[in-house]
PDB file of N, CA and C in Angstrom:
ATOM      1  N   MET A   1      23.382  17.291   3.528  1.00  0.00           N
ATOM      2  CA  MET A   1      22.255  17.007   4.385  1.00  0.00           C
ATOM      3  C   MET A   1      21.057  17.832   3.919  1.00  0.00           C
ATOM      4  N   THR A   2      19.934  17.194   3.766  1.00  0.00           N
ATOM      5  CA  THR A   2      18.715  17.877   3.334  1.00  0.00           C
ATOM      6  C   THR A   2      17.879  18.302   4.539  1.00  0.00           C
ATOM      7  N   GLN A   3      17.099  19.332   4.345  1.00  0.00           N
ATOM      8  CA  GLN A   3      16.178  19.797   5.376  1.00  0.00           C
ATOM      9  C   GLN A   3      14.756  19.351   5.072  1.00  0.00           C
ATOM     10  N   ALA A   4      14.599  18.414   4.137  1.00  0.00           N
ATOM     11  CA  ALA A   4      13.269  17.933   3.748  1.00  0.00           C
ATOM     12  C   ALA A   4      12.580  17.270   4.931  1.00  0.00           C
ATOM     13  N   PRO A   5      11.272  17.524   5.087  1.00  0.00           N
ATOM     14  CA  PRO A   5      10.526  16.861   6.157  1.00  0.00           C
ATOM     15  C   PRO A   5      10.612  15.343   6.005  1.00  0.00           C
ATOM     16  N   GLN A   6      10.665  14.632   7.128  1.00  0.00           N
ATOM     17  CA  GLN A   6      10.784  13.176   7.118  1.00  0.00           C
ATOM     18  C   GLN A   6       9.515  12.532   7.649  1.00  0.00           C
ATOM     19  N   GLY A   7       9.306  11.288   7.243  1.00  0.00           N
ATOM     20  CA  GLY A   7       8.171  10.517   7.719  1.00  0.00           C
ATOM     21  C   GLY A   7       8.314   9.077   7.264  1.00  0.00           C
ATOM     22  N   SER A   8       7.207   8.360   7.245  1.00  0.00           N
ATOM     23  CA  SER A   8       7.217   6.989   6.753  1.00  0.00           C
ATOM     24  C   SER A   8       5.875   6.703   6.100  1.00  0.00           C
ATOM     25  N   GLY A   9       5.845   5.701   5.267  1.00  0.00           N
ATOM     26  CA  GLY A   9       4.613   5.317   4.581  1.00  0.00           C
ATOM     27  C   GLY A   9       4.823   4.031   3.819  1.00  0.00           C
ATOM     28  N   GLY A  10       3.736   3.507   3.272  1.00  0.00           N
ATOM     29  CA  GLY A  10       3.829   2.272   2.498  1.00  0.00           C
ATOM     30  C   GLY A  10       2.474   1.888   1.956  1.00  0.00           C
ATOM     31  N   GLY A  11       2.473   0.923   1.068  1.00  0.00           N
ATOM     32  CA  GLY A  11       1.238   0.441   0.468  1.00  0.00           C
ATOM     33  C   GLY A  11       0.514  -0.529   1.382  1.00  0.00           C
ATOM     34  N   ALA A  12      -0.626  -0.986   0.937  1.00  0.00           N
ATOM     35  CA  ALA A  12      -1.437  -1.941   1.703  1.00  0.00           C
ATOM     36  C   ALA A  12      -0.623  -3.208   1.972  1.00  0.00           C
ATOM     37  N   GLY A  13      -0.499  -3.560   3.234  1.00  0.00           N
ATOM     38  CA  GLY A  13       0.215  -4.771   3.611  1.00  0.00           C
ATOM     39  C   GLY A  13       1.730  -4.661   3.536  1.00  0.00           C
ATOM     40  N   ALA A  14       2.248  -3.492   3.179  1.00  0.00           N
ATOM     41  CA  ALA A  14       3.691  -3.328   3.046  1.00  0.00           C
ATOM     42  C   ALA A  14       4.295  -2.807   4.346  1.00  0.00           C
ATOM     43  N   THR A  15       5.572  -3.086   4.523  1.00  0.00           N
ATOM     44  CA  THR A  15       6.313  -2.544   5.649  1.00  0.00           C
ATOM     45  C   THR A  15       6.491  -1.048   5.443  1.00  0.00           C
ATOM     46  N   ALA A  16       6.404  -0.276   6.504  1.00  0.00           N
ATOM     47  CA  ALA A  16       6.591   1.166   6.406  1.00  0.00           C
ATOM     48  C   ALA A  16       7.992   1.494   5.905  1.00  0.00           C
ATOM     49  N   LEU A  17       8.075   2.445   4.977  1.00  0.00           N
ATOM     50  CA  LEU A  17       9.348   2.864   4.397  1.00  0.00           C
ATOM     51  C   LEU A  17       9.702   4.258   4.889  1.00  0.00           C
ATOM     52  N   PRO A  18      11.001   4.533   5.043  1.00  0.00           N
ATOM     53  CA  PRO A  18      11.395   5.895   5.402  1.00  0.00           C
ATOM     54  C   PRO A  18      11.172   6.815   4.197  1.00  0.00           C
ATOM     55  N   LEU A  19      10.604   8.005   4.444  1.00  0.00           N
ATOM     56  CA  LEU A  19      10.315   8.946   3.366  1.00  0.00           C
ATOM     57  C   LEU A  19      10.878  10.320   3.687  1.00  0.00           C
ATOM     58  N   ARG A  20      11.216  11.050   2.633  1.00  0.00           N
ATOM     59  CA  ARG A  20      11.501  12.479   2.710  1.00  0.00           C
ATOM     60  C   ARG A  20      10.501  13.139   1.770  1.00  0.00           C
ATOM     61  N   TYR A  21       9.922  14.243   2.204  1.00  0.00           N
ATOM     62  CA  TYR A  21       8.854  14.898   1.456  1.00  0.00           C
ATOM     63  C   TYR A  21       9.349  16.169   0.771  1.00  0.00           C
ATOM     64  N   ALA A  22       8.764  16.424  -0.398  1.00  0.00           N
ATOM     65  CA  ALA A  22       9.030  17.659  -1.135  1.00  0.00           C
ATOM     66  C   ALA A  22       7.747  18.086  -1.824  1.00  0.00           C
ATOM     67  N   GLU A  23       7.543  19.403  -1.920  1.00  0.00           N
ATOM     68  CA  GLU A  23       6.395  19.911  -2.657  1.00  0.00           C
ATOM     69  C   GLU A  23       6.786  19.983  -4.130  1.00  0.00           C
ATOM     70  N   VAL A  24       5.971  19.388  -4.985  1.00  0.00           N
ATOM     71  CA  VAL A  24       6.248  19.313  -6.419  1.00  0.00           C
ATOM     72  C   VAL A  24       4.993  19.684  -7.207  1.00  0.00           C
ATOM     73  N   THR A  25       5.157  19.890  -8.486  1.00  0.00           N
ATOM     74  CA  THR A  25       4.025  20.060  -9.389  1.00  0.00           C
ATOM     75  C   THR A  25       3.776  18.729 -10.074  1.00  0.00           C
ATOM     76  N   LEU A  26       2.572  18.190  -9.904  1.00  0.00           N
ATOM     77  CA  LEU A  26       2.185  16.959 -10.586  1.00  0.00           C
ATOM     78  C   LEU A  26       1.412  17.328 -11.841  1.00  0.00           C
ATOM     79  N   ARG A  27       1.633  16.568 -12.916  1.00  0.00           N
ATOM     80  CA  ARG A  27       0.940  16.836 -14.166  1.00  0.00           C
ATOM     81  C   ARG A  27       0.552  15.510 -14.816  1.00  0.00           C
ATOM     82  N   LEU A  28      -0.709  15.403 -15.192  1.00  0.00           N
ATOM     83  CA  LEU A  28      -1.214  14.285 -15.992  1.00  0.00           C
ATOM     84  C   LEU A  28      -1.678  14.862 -17.315  1.00  0.00           C
ATOM     85  N   ALA A  29      -1.302  14.217 -18.412  1.00  0.00           N
ATOM     86  CA  ALA A  29      -1.689  14.736 -19.711  1.00  0.00           C
ATOM     87  C   ALA A  29      -1.852  13.600 -20.710  1.00  0.00           C
ATOM     88  N   ASP A  30      -2.719  13.846 -21.664  1.00  0.00           N
ATOM     89  CA  ASP A  30      -2.821  12.984 -22.835  1.00  0.00           C
ATOM     90  C   ASP A  30      -2.943  13.904 -24.043  1.00  0.00           C
ATOM     91  N   ARG A  31      -3.352  13.402 -25.169  1.00  0.00           N
ATOM     92  CA  ARG A  31      -3.436  14.237 -26.373  1.00  0.00           C
ATOM     93  C   ARG A  31      -4.555  15.268 -26.302  1.00  0.00           C
ATOM     94  N   HIS A  32      -5.495  15.111 -25.364  1.00  0.00           N
ATOM     95  CA  HIS A  32      -6.676  15.956 -25.345  1.00  0.00           C
ATOM     96  C   HIS A  32      -6.759  16.927 -24.173  1.00  0.00           C
ATOM     97  N   GLU A  33      -6.169  16.585 -23.049  1.00  0.00           N
ATOM     98  CA  GLU A  33      -6.268  17.465 -21.890  1.00  0.00           C
ATOM     99  C   GLU A  33      -5.069  17.299 -20.977  1.00  0.00           C
ATOM    100  N   GLN A  34      -4.902  18.279 -20.097  1.00  0.00           N
ATOM    101  CA  GLN A  34      -3.806  18.263 -19.132  1.00  0.00           C
ATOM    102  C   GLN A  34      -4.325  18.763 -17.793  1.00  0.00           C
ATOM    103  N   ARG A  35      -3.889  18.128 -16.718  1.00  0.00           N
ATOM    104  CA  ARG A  35      -4.231  18.544 -15.355  1.00  0.00           C
ATOM    105  C   ARG A  35      -2.932  18.738 -14.593  1.00  0.00           C
ATOM    106  N   GLU A  36      -2.870  19.804 -13.791  1.00  0.00           N
ATOM    107  CA  GLU A  36      -1.644  20.128 -13.060  1.00  0.00           C
ATOM    108  C   GLU A  36      -2.002  20.722 -11.706  1.00  0.00           C
ATOM    109  N   TRP A  37      -1.253  20.342 -10.655  1.00  0.00           N
ATOM    110  CA  TRP A  37      -1.495  20.862  -9.313  1.00  0.00           C
ATOM    111  C   TRP A  37      -0.248  20.648  -8.464  1.00  0.00           C
ATOM    112  N   ARG A  38      -0.158  21.407  -7.376  1.00  0.00           N
ATOM    113  CA  ARG A  38       0.940  21.276  -6.414  1.00  0.00           C
ATOM    114  C   ARG A  38       0.567  20.222  -5.384  1.00  0.00           C
ATOM    115  N   ALA A  39       1.559  19.436  -4.969  1.00  0.00           N
ATOM    116  CA  ALA A  39       1.310  18.375  -3.990  1.00  0.00           C
ATOM    117  C   ALA A  39       2.601  18.052  -3.242  1.00  0.00           C
ATOM    118  N   TRP A  40       2.436  17.591  -2.024  1.00  0.00           N
ATOM    119  CA  TRP A  40       3.570  17.057  -1.263  1.00  0.00           C
ATOM    120  C   TRP A  40       3.720  15.587  -1.623  1.00  0.00           C
ATOM    121  N   VAL A  41       4.942  15.193  -1.986  1.00  0.00           N
ATOM    122  CA  VAL A  41       5.227  13.825  -2.435  1.00  0.00           C
ATOM    123  C   VAL A  41       6.326  13.249  -1.559  1.00  0.00           C
ATOM    124  N   GLY A  42       6.174  11.964  -1.196  1.00  0.00           N
ATOM    125  CA  GLY A  42       7.189  11.270  -0.409  1.00  0.00           C
ATOM    126  C   GLY A  42       8.146  10.513  -1.322  1.00  0.00           C
ATOM    127  N   PHE A  43       9.437  10.632  -1.053  1.00  0.00           N
ATOM    128  CA  PHE A  43      10.478   9.945  -1.810  1.00  0.00           C
ATOM    129  C   PHE A  43      11.237   9.019  -0.866  1.00  0.00           C
ATOM    130  N   THR A  44      11.659   7.869  -1.389  1.00  0.00           N
ATOM    131  CA  THR A  44      12.433   6.918  -0.596  1.00  0.00           C
ATOM    132  C   THR A  44      13.624   6.411  -1.394  1.00  0.00           C
ATOM    133  N   SER A  45      14.686   6.045  -0.696  1.00  0.00           N
ATOM    134  CA  SER A  45      15.847   5.441  -1.358  1.00  0.00           C
ATOM    135  C   SER A  45      15.680   3.927  -1.481  1.00  0.00           C
ATOM    136  N   VAL A  46      14.625   3.380  -0.860  1.00  0.00           N
ATOM    137  CA  VAL A  46      14.354   1.948  -0.942  1.00  0.00           C
ATOM    138  C   VAL A  46      13.843   1.622  -2.342  1.00  0.00           C
ATOM    139  N   LYS A  47      14.404   0.592  -2.963  1.00  0.00           N
ATOM    140  CA  LYS A  47      13.972   0.198  -4.305  1.00  0.00           C
ATOM    141  C   LYS A  47      12.571  -0.421  -4.234  1.00  0.00           C
ATOM    142  N   LEU A  48      11.650   0.142  -5.024  1.00  0.00           N
ATOM    143  CA  LEU A  48      10.272  -0.344  -5.067  1.00  0.00           C
ATOM    144  C   LEU A  48      10.055  -1.153  -6.346  1.00  0.00           C
ATOM    145  N   ARG A  49       9.267  -2.204  -6.244  1.00  0.00           N
ATOM    146  CA  ARG A  49       8.944  -2.998  -7.437  1.00  0.00           C
ATOM    147  C   ARG A  49       8.042  -2.222  -8.377  1.00  0.00           C
ATOM    148  N   ARG A  50       7.148  -1.401  -7.813  1.00  0.00           N
ATOM    149  CA  ARG A  50       6.210  -0.590  -8.603  1.00  0.00           C
ATOM    150  C   ARG A  50       6.061   0.762  -7.923  1.00  0.00           C
ATOM    151  N   PRO A  51       5.831   1.797  -8.724  1.00  0.00           N
ATOM    152  CA  PRO A  51       5.564   3.104  -8.102  1.00  0.00           C
ATOM    153  C   PRO A  51       4.263   3.051  -7.315  1.00  0.00           C
ATOM    154  N   LEU A  52       4.147   3.895  -6.337  1.00  0.00           N
ATOM    155  CA  LEU A  52       2.972   3.903  -5.474  1.00  0.00           C
ATOM    156  C   LEU A  52       2.336   5.283  -5.505  1.00  0.00           C
ATOM    157  N   LEU A  53       1.087   5.342  -5.941  1.00  0.00           N
ATOM    158  CA  LEU A  53       0.336   6.593  -5.940  1.00  0.00           C
ATOM    159  C   LEU A  53      -0.644   6.552  -4.787  1.00  0.00           C
ATOM    160  N   GLY A  54      -0.635   7.578  -3.976  1.00  0.00           N
ATOM    161  CA  GLY A  54      -1.481   7.606  -2.802  1.00  0.00           C
ATOM    162  C   GLY A  54      -2.780   8.351  -3.013  1.00  0.00           C
ATOM    163  N   PHE A  55      -3.601   8.333  -1.979  1.00  0.00           N
ATOM    164  CA  PHE A  55      -4.894   9.011  -2.013  1.00  0.00           C
ATOM    165  C   PHE A  55      -4.714  10.521  -1.844  1.00  0.00           C
ATOM    166  N   ALA A  56      -4.025  10.925  -0.774  1.00  0.00           N
ATOM    167  CA  ALA A  56      -3.852  12.350  -0.479  1.00  0.00           C
ATOM    168  C   ALA A  56      -3.074  13.036  -1.595  1.00  0.00           C
ATOM    169  N   SER A  57      -3.625  14.113  -2.105  1.00  0.00           N
ATOM    170  CA  SER A  57      -3.014  14.951  -3.135  1.00  0.00           C
ATOM    171  C   SER A  57      -2.893  14.287  -4.503  1.00  0.00           C
ATOM    172  N   PHE A  58      -3.486  13.094  -4.673  1.00  0.00           N
ATOM    173  CA  PHE A  58      -3.523  12.494  -6.013  1.00  0.00           C
ATOM    174  C   PHE A  58      -4.884  11.871  -6.276  1.00  0.00           C
ATOM    175  N   LEU A  59      -5.093  10.645  -5.806  1.00  0.00           N
ATOM    176  CA  LEU A  59      -6.339   9.948  -6.126  1.00  0.00           C
ATOM    177  C   LEU A  59      -7.575  10.636  -5.560  1.00  0.00           C
ATOM    178  N   GLN A  60      -7.426  11.476  -4.534  1.00  0.00           N
ATOM    179  CA  GLN A  60      -8.589  12.171  -3.997  1.00  0.00           C
ATOM    180  C   GLN A  60      -9.191  13.135  -5.030  1.00  0.00           C
ATOM    181  N   PHE A  61      -8.431  13.534  -6.033  1.00  0.00           N
ATOM    182  CA  PHE A  61      -8.893  14.486  -7.038  1.00  0.00           C
ATOM    183  C   PHE A  61      -9.521  13.827  -8.266  1.00  0.00           C
ATOM    184  N   PHE A  62      -9.560  12.495  -8.274  1.00  0.00           N
ATOM    185  CA  PHE A  62     -10.050  11.767  -9.444  1.00  0.00           C
ATOM    186  C   PHE A  62     -10.995  10.653  -9.030  1.00  0.00           C
ATOM    187  N   THR A  63     -11.908  10.305  -9.924  1.00  0.00           N
ATOM    188  CA  THR A  63     -12.689   9.084  -9.791  1.00  0.00           C
ATOM    189  C   THR A  63     -11.981   8.047 -10.658  1.00  0.00           C
ATOM    190  N   ALA A  64     -11.547   6.957 -10.033  1.00  0.00           N
ATOM    191  CA  ALA A  64     -10.753   5.946 -10.740  1.00  0.00           C
ATOM    192  C   ALA A  64     -11.612   4.730 -11.066  1.00  0.00           C
ATOM    193  N   THR A  65     -11.544   4.301 -12.317  1.00  0.00           N
ATOM    194  CA  THR A  65     -12.199   3.074 -12.761  1.00  0.00           C
ATOM    195  C   THR A  65     -11.108   2.102 -13.177  1.00  0.00           C
ATOM    196  N   PHE A  66     -11.052   0.945 -12.514  1.00  0.00           N
ATOM    197  CA  PHE A  66     -10.008  -0.043 -12.770  1.00  0.00           C
ATOM    198  C   PHE A  66     -10.522  -1.107 -13.733  1.00  0.00           C
ATOM    199  N   HIS A  67      -9.763  -1.330 -14.806  1.00  0.00           N
ATOM    200  CA  HIS A  67     -10.058  -2.370 -15.796  1.00  0.00           C
ATOM    201  C   HIS A  67      -8.964  -3.426 -15.665  1.00  0.00           C
ATOM    202  N   GLY A  68      -9.178  -4.369 -14.744  1.00  0.00           N
ATOM    203  CA  GLY A  68      -8.161  -5.377 -14.469  1.00  0.00           C
ATOM    204  C   GLY A  68      -7.792  -6.223 -15.670  1.00  0.00           C
ATOM    205  N   ASP A  69      -8.781  -6.568 -16.490  1.00  0.00           N
ATOM    206  CA  ASP A  69      -8.510  -7.417 -17.652  1.00  0.00           C
ATOM    207  C   ASP A  69      -7.621  -6.718 -18.678  1.00  0.00           C
ATOM    208  N   ARG A  70      -7.650  -5.385 -18.707  1.00  0.00           N
ATOM    209  CA  ARG A  70      -6.819  -4.622 -19.643  1.00  0.00           C
ATOM    210  C   ARG A  70      -5.589  -4.013 -18.957  1.00  0.00           C
ATOM    211  N   GLU A  71      -5.504  -4.185 -17.630  1.00  0.00           N
ATOM    212  CA  GLU A  71      -4.430  -3.596 -16.832  1.00  0.00           C
ATOM    213  C   GLU A  71      -4.365  -2.090 -17.058  1.00  0.00           C
ATOM    214  N   GLU A  72      -5.560  -1.442 -16.980  1.00  0.00           N
ATOM    215  CA  GLU A  72      -5.682  -0.010 -17.181  1.00  0.00           C
ATOM    216  C   GLU A  72      -6.488   0.620 -16.056  1.00  0.00           C
ATOM    217  N   VAL A  73      -6.239   1.902 -15.852  1.00  0.00           N
ATOM    218  CA  VAL A  73      -7.026   2.705 -14.919  1.00  0.00           C
ATOM    219  C   VAL A  73      -7.481   3.948 -15.665  1.00  0.00           C
ATOM    220  N   GLU A  74      -8.761   4.258 -15.594  1.00  0.00           N
ATOM    221  CA  GLU A  74      -9.285   5.497 -16.166  1.00  0.00           C
ATOM    222  C   GLU A  74      -9.500   6.481 -15.026  1.00  0.00           C
ATOM    223  N   LEU A  75      -8.999   7.701 -15.204  1.00  0.00           N
ATOM    224  CA  LEU A  75      -9.152   8.743 -14.199  1.00  0.00           C
ATOM    225  C   LEU A  75     -10.041   9.843 -14.746  1.00  0.00           C
ATOM    226  N   ALA A  76     -11.055  10.217 -13.974  1.00  0.00           N
ATOM    227  CA  ALA A  76     -11.926  11.342 -14.314  1.00  0.00           C
ATOM    228  C   ALA A  76     -11.825  12.362 -13.198  1.00  0.00           C
ATOM    229  N   VAL A  77     -11.574  13.616 -13.533  1.00  0.00           N
ATOM    230  CA  VAL A  77     -11.445  14.677 -12.547  1.00  0.00           C
ATOM    231  C   VAL A  77     -12.744  14.800 -11.754  1.00  0.00           C
ATOM    232  N   ASN A  78     -12.635  14.952 -10.425  1.00  0.00           N
ATOM    233  CA  ASN A  78     -13.835  15.144  -9.609  1.00  0.00           C
ATOM    234  C   ASN A  78     -13.837  16.548  -8.999  1.00  0.00           C
ATOM    235  N   SER A  79     -14.812  16.841  -8.178  1.00  0.00           N
ATOM    236  CA  SER A  79     -15.016  18.197  -7.647  1.00  0.00           C
ATOM    237  C   SER A  79     -13.919  18.649  -6.661  1.00  0.00           C
ATOM    238  N   LEU A  80     -13.081  17.745  -6.181  1.00  0.00           N
ATOM    239  CA  LEU A  80     -11.997  18.120  -5.256  1.00  0.00           C
ATOM    240  C   LEU A  80     -10.746  18.625  -5.960  1.00  0.00           C
ATOM    241  N   TYR A  81     -10.693  18.452  -7.282  1.00  0.00           N
ATOM    242  CA  TYR A  81      -9.494  18.870  -8.045  1.00  0.00           C
ATOM    243  C   TYR A  81      -9.231  20.355  -7.806  1.00  0.00           C
ATOM    244  N   PRO A  82      -8.005  20.739  -7.380  1.00  0.00           N
ATOM    245  CA  PRO A  82      -7.733  22.132  -7.022  1.00  0.00           C
ATOM    246  C   PRO A  82      -7.348  23.023  -8.197  1.00  0.00           C
ATOM    247  N   GLY A  83      -7.141  22.457  -9.366  1.00  0.00           N
ATOM    248  CA  GLY A  83      -6.732  23.251 -10.514  1.00  0.00           C
ATOM    249  C   GLY A  83      -7.912  23.914 -11.199  1.00  0.00           C
ATOM    250  N   THR A  84      -7.619  24.491 -12.351  1.00  0.00           N
ATOM    251  CA  THR A  84      -8.681  25.159 -13.113  1.00  0.00           C
ATOM    252  C   THR A  84      -9.096  24.363 -14.313  1.00  0.00           C
TER     253      THR A  84
END
């Protein structure tokens, strides 16, 4: 039995899923730079078709530009990023 905090969440238009939360270190990196920060992340045993990245503790730290025709997202660090 885990003592992880419990809750629920889901994507736009999705049914709420049961979640257990854990504090983790998130890291984004490419060949030129790396960003790392601590965040609370929700985990579910429900099989998801696609991973879901939320606003709190992730997208709030970046300005996202979506290129639908290329199926790409460009992330630029913004002033809310808590790292160095």
